[in-house]
Amino acid sequence: MIYTKEVQMMCPVSKGAKHEPAPIPEEGKWVHAKQIGDISGFTHGIGWCAPQQGACKLTLNVKEGVIQEALIETIGCSGMTHSAAMAAEILQGKTILEALNTDLVCDAINTAMRELFLQIVYGRTQSAFSDDGLAVGAGLEDLGKGLRSQVGTMYATKEKGVRYLEMAEGYVTGIALDENDEVIGYQFVSLGKMTDFIKQGLEPNEAWEKAKGQYGRVADAAKIIDPRKE
């Protein structure tokens, strides 16, 4: 340690009261976090790239400072989805400090990591008041039974109105309209279920029919339009 001459000439003054860092809630406990290993928590965060062309939802499950589970969901450019694949390999097994200073390729994923770091080290995790936190694997619950991200994709113009393209239930195949051409429901096919049916041995057309569903007053529709062609 190098001290300047001015500091060397100073007389020592004893430190009085010891001020601990403020305790943060972690997995049902209050913790005075001093080391990376003191940090545990499960939480989500959103990041965005510089041109704000796309976004990343990042979910981390941290135990004693180490990322045990990572879920990366992206929307935007094709490069971002490939970067998510790399980030999934990179993140698990790293400490949250390592992950914060690791190039996760896509700026949206890097930004999400920064936002999560802040939540976790300040004790703002979703598992803050859950005894022993959440089990590794809890991140998959956000994806649901078919392990697919829940996506909503809608498009609209003033001239032609709205088009539902993708709902949480799946790929929208038809929009139900009433006599006034107002939306009263939609038809969809769950691509995740369809894929599972095909893997189980069903023919594609049969799987398609079995994975179909609808929502709203489809039965009352004056007409049903294909949102991608009509």
C-alpha atoms as a PDB file:
ATOM      1  CA  MET A   1       0.000   0.000   0.000  1.00  0.00           C
ATOM      2  CA  ILE A   2       1.427   3.385  -0.980  1.00  0.00           C
ATOM      3  CA  TYR A   3       0.528   6.478   1.041  1.00  0.00           C
ATOM      4  CA  THR A   4       1.207  10.081   0.110  1.00  0.00           C
ATOM      5  CA  LYS A   5       3.503  12.135   2.297  1.00  0.00           C
ATOM      6  CA  GLU A   6       0.503  14.098   3.589  1.00  0.00           C
ATOM      7  CA  VAL A   7      -1.190  10.921   4.829  1.00  0.00           C
ATOM      8  CA  GLN A   8       2.045   9.622   6.352  1.00  0.00           C
ATOM      9  CA  MET A   9       2.315  12.803   8.432  1.00  0.00           C
ATOM     10  CA  MET A  10      -1.191  12.399   9.886  1.00  0.00           C
ATOM     11  CA  CYS A  11      -1.675  11.021  13.376  1.00  0.00           C
ATOM     12  CA  PRO A  12      -3.955   7.968  13.679  1.00  0.00           C
ATOM     13  CA  VAL A  13      -7.546   8.339  14.899  1.00  0.00           C
ATOM     14  CA  SER A  14      -9.324   5.217  16.123  1.00  0.00           C
ATOM     15  CA  LYS A  15     -12.483   4.068  14.414  1.00  0.00           C
ATOM     16  CA  GLY A  16     -15.500   4.098  16.689  1.00  0.00           C
ATOM     17  CA  ALA A  17     -18.778   2.310  16.062  1.00  0.00           C
ATOM     18  CA  LYS A  18     -18.795  -0.457  13.514  1.00  0.00           C
ATOM     19  CA  HIS A  19     -21.437   0.194  10.884  1.00  0.00           C
ATOM     20  CA  GLU A  20     -22.662  -3.009   9.245  1.00  0.00           C
ATOM     21  CA  PRO A  21     -24.134  -2.903   5.750  1.00  0.00           C
ATOM     22  CA  ALA A  22     -27.912  -2.705   5.811  1.00  0.00           C
ATOM     23  CA  PRO A  23     -29.361  -6.226   5.900  1.00  0.00           C
ATOM     24  CA  ILE A  24     -31.170  -7.404   2.774  1.00  0.00           C
ATOM     25  CA  PRO A  25     -33.940 -10.030   2.616  1.00  0.00           C
ATOM     26  CA  GLU A  26     -32.734 -13.288   1.096  1.00  0.00           C
ATOM     27  CA  GLU A  27     -34.760 -16.464   0.927  1.00  0.00           C
ATOM     28  CA  GLY A  28     -36.568 -15.834   4.208  1.00  0.00           C
ATOM     29  CA  LYS A  29     -33.525 -14.438   6.072  1.00  0.00           C
ATOM     30  CA  TRP A  30     -32.004 -11.013   6.700  1.00  0.00           C
ATOM     31  CA  VAL A  31     -28.400 -11.029   5.514  1.00  0.00           C
ATOM     32  CA  HIS A  32     -25.532  -8.545   5.987  1.00  0.00           C
ATOM     33  CA  ALA A  33     -24.051  -9.164   2.539  1.00  0.00           C
ATOM     34  CA  LYS A  34     -20.274  -8.615   2.451  1.00  0.00           C
ATOM     35  CA  GLN A  35     -19.099 -11.225  -0.057  1.00  0.00           C
ATOM     36  CA  ILE A  36     -20.523 -12.480  -3.355  1.00  0.00           C
ATOM     37  CA  GLY A  37     -21.090 -15.819  -1.630  1.00  0.00           C
ATOM     38  CA  ASP A  38     -23.521 -14.102   0.739  1.00  0.00           C
ATOM     39  CA  ILE A  39     -25.976 -13.482  -2.100  1.00  0.00           C
ATOM     40  CA  SER A  40     -28.876 -15.769  -2.995  1.00  0.00           C
ATOM     41  CA  GLY A  41     -32.130 -15.123  -4.834  1.00  0.00           C
ATOM     42  CA  PHE A  42     -34.449 -15.891  -7.724  1.00  0.00           C
ATOM     43  CA  THR A  43     -35.677 -13.095  -9.968  1.00  0.00           C
ATOM     44  CA  HIS A  44     -36.448 -11.779 -13.447  1.00  0.00           C
ATOM     45  CA  GLY A  45     -35.291  -8.692 -15.345  1.00  0.00           C
ATOM     46  CA  ILE A  46     -35.650  -7.023 -18.717  1.00  0.00           C
ATOM     47  CA  GLY A  47     -32.836  -5.707 -20.932  1.00  0.00           C
ATOM     48  CA  TRP A  48     -32.765  -3.893 -24.254  1.00  0.00           C
ATOM     49  CA  CYS A  49     -30.211  -3.309 -26.986  1.00  0.00           C
ATOM     50  CA  ALA A  50     -28.769   0.098 -27.875  1.00  0.00           C
ATOM     51  CA  PRO A  51     -31.040   0.753 -30.882  1.00  0.00           C
ATOM     52  CA  GLN A  52     -33.944  -0.691 -28.817  1.00  0.00           C
ATOM     53  CA  GLN A  53     -34.671  -3.087 -31.650  1.00  0.00           C
ATOM     54  CA  GLY A  54     -35.149  -5.997 -29.303  1.00  0.00           C
ATOM     55  CA  ALA A  55     -35.459  -7.052 -25.672  1.00  0.00           C
ATOM     56  CA  CYS A  56     -34.414  -9.879 -23.365  1.00  0.00           C
ATOM     57  CA  LYS A  57     -36.209 -11.291 -20.349  1.00  0.00           C
ATOM     58  CA  LEU A  58     -33.610 -12.948 -18.141  1.00  0.00           C
ATOM     59  CA  THR A  59     -34.416 -15.206 -15.199  1.00  0.00           C
ATOM     60  CA  LEU A  60     -31.694 -16.246 -12.750  1.00  0.00           C
ATOM     61  CA  ASN A  61     -31.659 -18.531  -9.724  1.00  0.00           C
ATOM     62  CA  VAL A  62     -28.624 -17.670  -7.591  1.00  0.00           C
ATOM     63  CA  LYS A  63     -27.444 -19.778  -4.644  1.00  0.00           C
ATOM     64  CA  GLU A  64     -24.555 -18.515  -2.505  1.00  0.00           C
ATOM     65  CA  GLY A  65     -23.409 -16.164  -5.232  1.00  0.00           C
ATOM     66  CA  VAL A  66     -23.379 -18.737  -8.057  1.00  0.00           C
ATOM     67  CA  ILE A  67     -25.913 -18.853 -10.896  1.00  0.00           C
ATOM     68  CA  GLN A  68     -27.501 -22.294 -10.727  1.00  0.00           C
ATOM     69  CA  GLU A  69     -30.265 -21.709 -13.272  1.00  0.00           C
ATOM     70  CA  ALA A  70     -30.739 -19.320 -16.183  1.00  0.00           C
ATOM     71  CA  LEU A  71     -33.673 -18.752 -18.528  1.00  0.00           C
ATOM     72  CA  ILE A  72     -33.115 -16.404 -21.471  1.00  0.00           C
ATOM     73  CA  GLU A  73     -36.094 -15.276 -23.547  1.00  0.00           C
ATOM     74  CA  THR A  74     -35.564 -12.787 -26.372  1.00  0.00           C
ATOM     75  CA  ILE A  75     -37.611 -10.923 -28.930  1.00  0.00           C
ATOM     76  CA  GLY A  76     -36.098  -8.896 -31.730  1.00  0.00           C
ATOM     77  CA  CYS A  77     -33.364  -9.588 -34.246  1.00  0.00           C
ATOM     78  CA  SER A  78     -32.286 -13.095 -35.245  1.00  0.00           C
ATOM     79  CA  GLY A  79     -28.819 -12.459 -33.801  1.00  0.00           C
ATOM     80  CA  MET A  80     -30.365 -11.945 -30.395  1.00  0.00           C
ATOM     81  CA  THR A  81     -31.902 -15.418 -30.352  1.00  0.00           C
ATOM     82  CA  HIS A  82     -28.537 -16.973 -31.220  1.00  0.00           C
ATOM     83  CA  SER A  83     -26.858 -14.858 -28.556  1.00  0.00           C
ATOM     84  CA  ALA A  84     -29.364 -16.263 -26.061  1.00  0.00           C
ATOM     85  CA  ALA A  85     -28.079 -19.758 -26.844  1.00  0.00           C
ATOM     86  CA  MET A  86     -24.534 -18.642 -26.056  1.00  0.00           C
ATOM     87  CA  ALA A  87     -25.624 -16.833 -22.888  1.00  0.00           C
ATOM     88  CA  ALA A  88     -27.381 -19.957 -21.611  1.00  0.00           C
ATOM     89  CA  GLU A  89     -24.092 -21.833 -21.872  1.00  0.00           C
ATOM     90  CA  ILE A  90     -22.083 -18.985 -20.369  1.00  0.00           C
ATOM     91  CA  LEU A  91     -24.187 -17.929 -17.372  1.00  0.00           C
ATOM     92  CA  GLN A  92     -24.729 -21.085 -15.355  1.00  0.00           C
ATOM     93  CA  GLY A  93     -21.890 -21.825 -12.962  1.00  0.00           C
ATOM     94  CA  LYS A  94     -20.602 -18.245 -12.879  1.00  0.00           C
ATOM     95  CA  THR A  95     -20.803 -15.958  -9.878  1.00  0.00           C
ATOM     96  CA  ILE A  96     -23.083 -12.966 -10.398  1.00  0.00           C
ATOM     97  CA  LEU A  97     -19.995 -10.720 -10.418  1.00  0.00           C
ATOM     98  CA  GLU A  98     -18.382 -12.809 -13.158  1.00  0.00           C
ATOM     99  CA  ALA A  99     -21.622 -12.773 -15.149  1.00  0.00           C
ATOM    100  CA  LEU A 100     -21.931  -9.010 -14.790  1.00  0.00           C
ATOM    101  CA  ASN A 101     -18.487  -8.593 -16.358  1.00  0.00           C
ATOM    102  CA  THR A 102     -18.839 -11.286 -19.036  1.00  0.00           C
ATOM    103  CA  ASP A 103     -19.687 -10.367 -22.618  1.00  0.00           C
ATOM    104  CA  LEU A 104     -23.031 -12.086 -23.196  1.00  0.00           C
ATOM    105  CA  VAL A 105     -22.778 -11.152 -26.904  1.00  0.00           C
ATOM    106  CA  CYS A 106     -26.100  -9.315 -27.249  1.00  0.00           C
ATOM    107  CA  ASP A 107     -26.418  -5.902 -25.608  1.00  0.00           C
ATOM    108  CA  ALA A 108     -29.990  -6.668 -24.549  1.00  0.00           C
ATOM    109  CA  ILE A 109     -28.800  -9.713 -22.575  1.00  0.00           C
ATOM    110  CA  ASN A 110     -25.928  -7.714 -21.069  1.00  0.00           C
ATOM    111  CA  THR A 111     -28.385  -5.012 -19.993  1.00  0.00           C
ATOM    112  CA  ALA A 112     -30.723  -7.603 -18.501  1.00  0.00           C
ATOM    113  CA  MET A 113     -27.806  -9.045 -16.513  1.00  0.00           C
ATOM    114  CA  ARG A 114     -27.025  -5.574 -15.171  1.00  0.00           C
ATOM    115  CA  GLU A 115     -30.638  -5.012 -14.099  1.00  0.00           C
ATOM    116  CA  LEU A 116     -30.806  -8.408 -12.398  1.00  0.00           C
ATOM    117  CA  PHE A 117     -27.518  -7.816 -10.591  1.00  0.00           C
ATOM    118  CA  LEU A 118     -28.968  -4.665  -9.053  1.00  0.00           C
ATOM    119  CA  GLN A 119     -32.152  -6.445  -7.971  1.00  0.00           C
ATOM    120  CA  ILE A 120     -30.276  -9.371  -6.465  1.00  0.00           C
ATOM    121  CA  VAL A 121     -27.603  -7.490  -4.505  1.00  0.00           C
ATOM    122  CA  TYR A 122     -30.167  -5.046  -3.118  1.00  0.00           C
ATOM    123  CA  GLY A 123     -32.464  -7.855  -1.974  1.00  0.00           C
ATOM    124  CA  ARG A 124     -35.296  -7.111  -4.402  1.00  0.00           C
ATOM    125  CA  THR A 125     -35.697 -10.703  -5.569  1.00  0.00           C
ATOM    126  CA  GLN A 126     -38.967 -12.583  -5.960  1.00  0.00           C
ATOM    127  CA  SER A 127     -37.732 -15.137  -3.440  1.00  0.00           C
ATOM    128  CA  ALA A 128     -36.698 -12.539  -0.840  1.00  0.00           C
ATOM    129  CA  PHE A 129     -39.230 -13.739   1.722  1.00  0.00           C
ATOM    130  CA  SER A 130     -39.477 -17.390   0.656  1.00  0.00           C
ATOM    131  CA  ASP A 131     -37.837 -19.777   3.124  1.00  0.00           C
ATOM    132  CA  ASP A 132     -34.852 -21.442   1.403  1.00  0.00           C
ATOM    133  CA  GLY A 133     -35.750 -19.680  -1.852  1.00  0.00           C
ATOM    134  CA  LEU A 134     -36.979 -21.469  -4.953  1.00  0.00           C
ATOM    135  CA  ALA A 135     -35.765 -24.847  -6.148  1.00  0.00           C
ATOM    136  CA  VAL A 136     -33.523 -25.031  -9.198  1.00  0.00           C
ATOM    137  CA  GLY A 137     -35.952 -25.635 -12.040  1.00  0.00           C
ATOM    138  CA  ALA A 138     -38.436 -22.987 -10.922  1.00  0.00           C
ATOM    139  CA  GLY A 139     -37.542 -20.914 -13.981  1.00  0.00           C
ATOM    140  CA  LEU A 140     -39.254 -23.447 -16.215  1.00  0.00           C
ATOM    141  CA  GLU A 141     -42.603 -22.681 -14.564  1.00  0.00           C
ATOM    142  CA  ASP A 142     -42.786 -19.408 -16.487  1.00  0.00           C
ATOM    143  CA  LEU A 143     -42.809 -21.399 -19.718  1.00  0.00           C
ATOM    144  CA  GLY A 144     -45.768 -23.558 -18.834  1.00  0.00           C
ATOM    145  CA  LYS A 145     -46.407 -27.196 -19.646  1.00  0.00           C
ATOM    146  CA  GLY A 146     -45.096 -27.066 -23.209  1.00  0.00           C
ATOM    147  CA  LEU A 147     -41.890 -25.243 -22.245  1.00  0.00           C
ATOM    148  CA  ARG A 148     -42.509 -22.417 -24.732  1.00  0.00           C
ATOM    149  CA  SER A 149     -42.243 -18.692 -24.086  1.00  0.00           C
ATOM    150  CA  GLN A 150     -45.577 -16.910 -23.859  1.00  0.00           C
ATOM    151  CA  VAL A 151     -45.642 -14.458 -26.741  1.00  0.00           C
ATOM    152  CA  GLY A 152     -48.152 -11.867 -27.869  1.00  0.00           C
ATOM    153  CA  THR A 153     -47.847 -10.493 -31.414  1.00  0.00           C
ATOM    154  CA  MET A 154     -50.414  -7.992 -32.700  1.00  0.00           C
ATOM    155  CA  TYR A 155     -50.416  -5.746 -35.754  1.00  0.00           C
ATOM    156  CA  ALA A 156     -52.747  -2.913 -36.698  1.00  0.00           C
ATOM    157  CA  THR A 157     -53.215  -0.120 -39.215  1.00  0.00           C
ATOM    158  CA  LYS A 158     -55.677   2.759 -39.201  1.00  0.00           C
ATOM    159  CA  GLU A 159     -56.829   1.757 -42.668  1.00  0.00           C
ATOM    160  CA  LYS A 160     -57.445  -1.965 -42.057  1.00  0.00           C
ATOM    161  CA  GLY A 161     -57.647  -2.363 -38.288  1.00  0.00           C
ATOM    162  CA  VAL A 162     -56.181  -4.994 -35.990  1.00  0.00           C
ATOM    163  CA  ARG A 163     -54.676  -8.423 -36.678  1.00  0.00           C
ATOM    164  CA  TYR A 164     -54.030 -10.903 -33.868  1.00  0.00           C
ATOM    165  CA  LEU A 165     -51.036 -13.024 -34.893  1.00  0.00           C
ATOM    166  CA  GLU A 166     -49.899 -14.853 -31.756  1.00  0.00           C
ATOM    167  CA  MET A 167     -51.467 -15.208 -28.315  1.00  0.00           C
ATOM    168  CA  ALA A 168     -50.319 -16.978 -25.171  1.00  0.00           C
ATOM    169  CA  GLU A 169     -52.428 -19.943 -26.304  1.00  0.00           C
ATOM    170  CA  GLY A 170     -50.597 -20.183 -29.613  1.00  0.00           C
ATOM    171  CA  TYR A 171     -50.466 -19.250 -33.293  1.00  0.00           C
ATOM    172  CA  VAL A 172     -53.640 -17.424 -34.326  1.00  0.00           C
ATOM    173  CA  THR A 173     -55.222 -18.985 -37.419  1.00  0.00           C
ATOM    174  CA  GLY A 174     -58.468 -17.021 -37.570  1.00  0.00           C
ATOM    175  CA  ILE A 175     -60.070 -13.855 -36.183  1.00  0.00           C
ATOM    176  CA  ALA A 176     -63.815 -13.990 -35.552  1.00  0.00           C
ATOM    177  CA  LEU A 177     -65.734 -10.862 -36.615  1.00  0.00           C
ATOM    178  CA  ASP A 178     -69.362  -9.887 -35.987  1.00  0.00           C
ATOM    179  CA  GLU A 179     -71.761  -8.138 -38.361  1.00  0.00           C
ATOM    180  CA  ASN A 180     -69.971  -4.824 -37.686  1.00  0.00           C
ATOM    181  CA  ASP A 181     -66.574  -6.351 -38.487  1.00  0.00           C
ATOM    182  CA  GLU A 182     -65.547  -6.046 -34.828  1.00  0.00           C
ATOM    183  CA  VAL A 183     -63.380  -8.755 -33.236  1.00  0.00           C
ATOM    184  CA  ILE A 184     -65.327 -11.097 -30.973  1.00  0.00           C
ATOM    185  CA  GLY A 185     -62.875 -13.999 -30.704  1.00  0.00           C
ATOM    186  CA  TYR A 186     -60.092 -15.951 -32.346  1.00  0.00           C
ATOM    187  CA  GLN A 187     -59.019 -19.428 -33.333  1.00  0.00           C
ATOM    188  CA  PHE A 188     -55.543 -20.744 -32.662  1.00  0.00           C
ATOM    189  CA  VAL A 189     -53.304 -23.772 -32.805  1.00  0.00           C
ATOM    190  CA  SER A 190     -50.834 -24.560 -30.035  1.00  0.00           C
ATOM    191  CA  LEU A 191     -47.619 -25.278 -31.925  1.00  0.00           C
ATOM    192  CA  GLY A 192     -46.023 -26.757 -28.809  1.00  0.00           C
ATOM    193  CA  LYS A 193     -48.846 -29.254 -28.362  1.00  0.00           C
ATOM    194  CA  MET A 194     -48.851 -30.012 -32.074  1.00  0.00           C
ATOM    195  CA  THR A 195     -45.145 -30.782 -32.018  1.00  0.00           C
ATOM    196  CA  ASP A 196     -45.584 -33.052 -28.990  1.00  0.00           C
ATOM    197  CA  PHE A 197     -48.408 -34.928 -30.723  1.00  0.00           C
ATOM    198  CA  ILE A 198     -46.225 -35.483 -33.790  1.00  0.00           C
ATOM    199  CA  LYS A 199     -43.377 -36.727 -31.580  1.00  0.00           C
ATOM    200  CA  GLN A 200     -45.863 -39.175 -30.058  1.00  0.00           C
ATOM    201  CA  GLY A 201     -46.578 -40.603 -33.508  1.00  0.00           C
ATOM    202  CA  LEU A 202     -49.614 -38.684 -34.795  1.00  0.00           C
ATOM    203  CA  GLU A 203     -49.726 -37.620 -38.423  1.00  0.00           C
ATOM    204  CA  PRO A 204     -49.147 -33.852 -38.896  1.00  0.00           C
ATOM    205  CA  ASN A 205     -52.718 -33.131 -40.073  1.00  0.00           C
ATOM    206  CA  GLU A 206     -54.183 -35.059 -37.159  1.00  0.00           C
ATOM    207  CA  ALA A 207     -51.829 -33.300 -34.726  1.00  0.00           C
ATOM    208  CA  TRP A 208     -52.845 -29.940 -36.219  1.00  0.00           C
ATOM    209  CA  GLU A 209     -56.521 -30.633 -35.639  1.00  0.00           C
ATOM    210  CA  LYS A 210     -55.959 -31.952 -32.120  1.00  0.00           C
ATOM    211  CA  ALA A 211     -53.904 -28.871 -31.131  1.00  0.00           C
ATOM    212  CA  LYS A 212     -56.595 -26.406 -32.272  1.00  0.00           C
ATOM    213  CA  GLY A 213     -58.578 -24.213 -29.895  1.00  0.00           C
ATOM    214  CA  GLN A 214     -60.634 -21.037 -29.789  1.00  0.00           C
ATOM    215  CA  TYR A 215     -61.439 -18.155 -27.475  1.00  0.00           C
ATOM    216  CA  GLY A 216     -64.378 -15.774 -27.307  1.00  0.00           C
ATOM    217  CA  ARG A 217     -67.653 -15.835 -29.261  1.00  0.00           C
ATOM    218  CA  VAL A 218     -66.314 -17.679 -32.280  1.00  0.00           C
ATOM    219  CA  ALA A 219     -69.586 -19.554 -32.721  1.00  0.00           C
ATOM    220  CA  ASP A 220     -71.430 -16.232 -33.162  1.00  0.00           C
ATOM    221  CA  ALA A 221     -69.071 -14.922 -35.842  1.00  0.00           C
ATOM    222  CA  ALA A 222     -70.457 -13.489 -39.055  1.00  0.00           C
ATOM    223  CA  LYS A 223     -67.137 -14.383 -40.654  1.00  0.00           C
ATOM    224  CA  ILE A 224     -63.669 -15.607 -39.745  1.00  0.00           C
ATOM    225  CA  ILE A 225     -60.615 -14.124 -41.456  1.00  0.00           C
ATOM    226  CA  ASP A 226     -57.034 -15.322 -41.767  1.00  0.00           C
ATOM    227  CA  PRO A 227     -55.020 -12.543 -40.053  1.00  0.00           C
ATOM    228  CA  ARG A 228     -52.016 -13.150 -42.303  1.00  0.00           C
ATOM    229  CA  LYS A 229     -53.804 -13.125 -45.656  1.00  0.00           C
ATOM    230  CA  GLU A 230     -57.093 -11.241 -45.373  1.00  0.00           C
END
